[in-house]
């Protein structure tokens, strides 16, 4: 089971590979404007008259 296939979700199965990829530890702030753009139904247009 050491040679598992790479999953489509991008998860890494090999610990050596994950150790070589450094993650960035940056503070992320989600503003109210970002939250408003993310939320809601993406299939409804605001200009829908």
Protein backbone atom coordinates (compact mmCIF):
# COMPACT_ATOMS: atom_id res chain seq x y z
CA UNK A 1 0.00 0.00 0.00
CA UNK A 2 3.02 2.32 -0.15
CA UNK A 3 2.42 3.10 -3.83
CA UNK A 4 -1.08 4.51 -3.54
CA UNK A 5 -2.31 6.63 -6.46
CA UNK A 6 -2.45 10.40 -6.16
CA UNK A 7 -5.97 11.49 -5.32
CA UNK A 8 -7.77 14.05 -7.43
CA UNK A 9 -8.32 16.30 -4.40
CA UNK A 10 -4.59 17.08 -4.39
CA UNK A 11 -3.82 15.34 -1.12
CA UNK A 12 -0.32 13.99 -0.77
CA UNK A 13 0.09 10.34 0.17
CA UNK A 14 3.86 10.26 0.70
CA UNK A 15 5.28 11.76 3.92
CA UNK A 16 8.61 12.58 2.25
CA UNK A 17 6.84 14.62 -0.42
CA UNK A 18 4.77 16.52 2.13
CA UNK A 19 7.90 17.32 4.15
CA UNK A 20 9.64 18.80 1.12
CA UNK A 21 6.67 21.03 0.26
CA UNK A 22 6.77 23.92 2.69
CA UNK A 23 3.50 25.52 3.63
CA UNK A 24 3.26 29.25 4.10
CA UNK A 25 2.12 30.30 7.55
CA UNK A 26 0.59 33.66 6.71
CA UNK A 27 -2.25 35.22 8.64
CA UNK A 28 -5.41 35.26 6.52
CA UNK A 29 -8.17 37.72 7.28
CA UNK A 30 -11.61 37.21 5.77
CA UNK A 31 -13.28 40.59 5.40
CA UNK A 32 -17.02 41.24 5.25
CA UNK A 33 -16.69 42.11 1.55
CA UNK A 34 -14.99 38.76 0.84
CA UNK A 35 -17.63 36.93 2.83
CA UNK A 36 -20.42 38.65 0.88
CA UNK A 37 -18.81 37.68 -2.44
CA UNK A 38 -18.38 34.05 -1.37
CA UNK A 39 -21.83 33.49 0.11
CA UNK A 40 -25.08 33.20 -1.76
CA UNK A 41 -26.34 31.32 -4.77
CA UNK A 42 -23.82 31.54 -7.64
CA UNK A 43 -26.55 30.81 -10.21
CA UNK A 44 -28.59 33.93 -9.46
CA UNK A 45 -27.48 37.19 -11.04
CA UNK A 46 -27.93 40.48 -9.18
CA UNK A 47 -28.92 42.12 -12.49
CA UNK A 48 -31.75 39.64 -13.01
CA UNK A 49 -34.79 41.85 -13.68
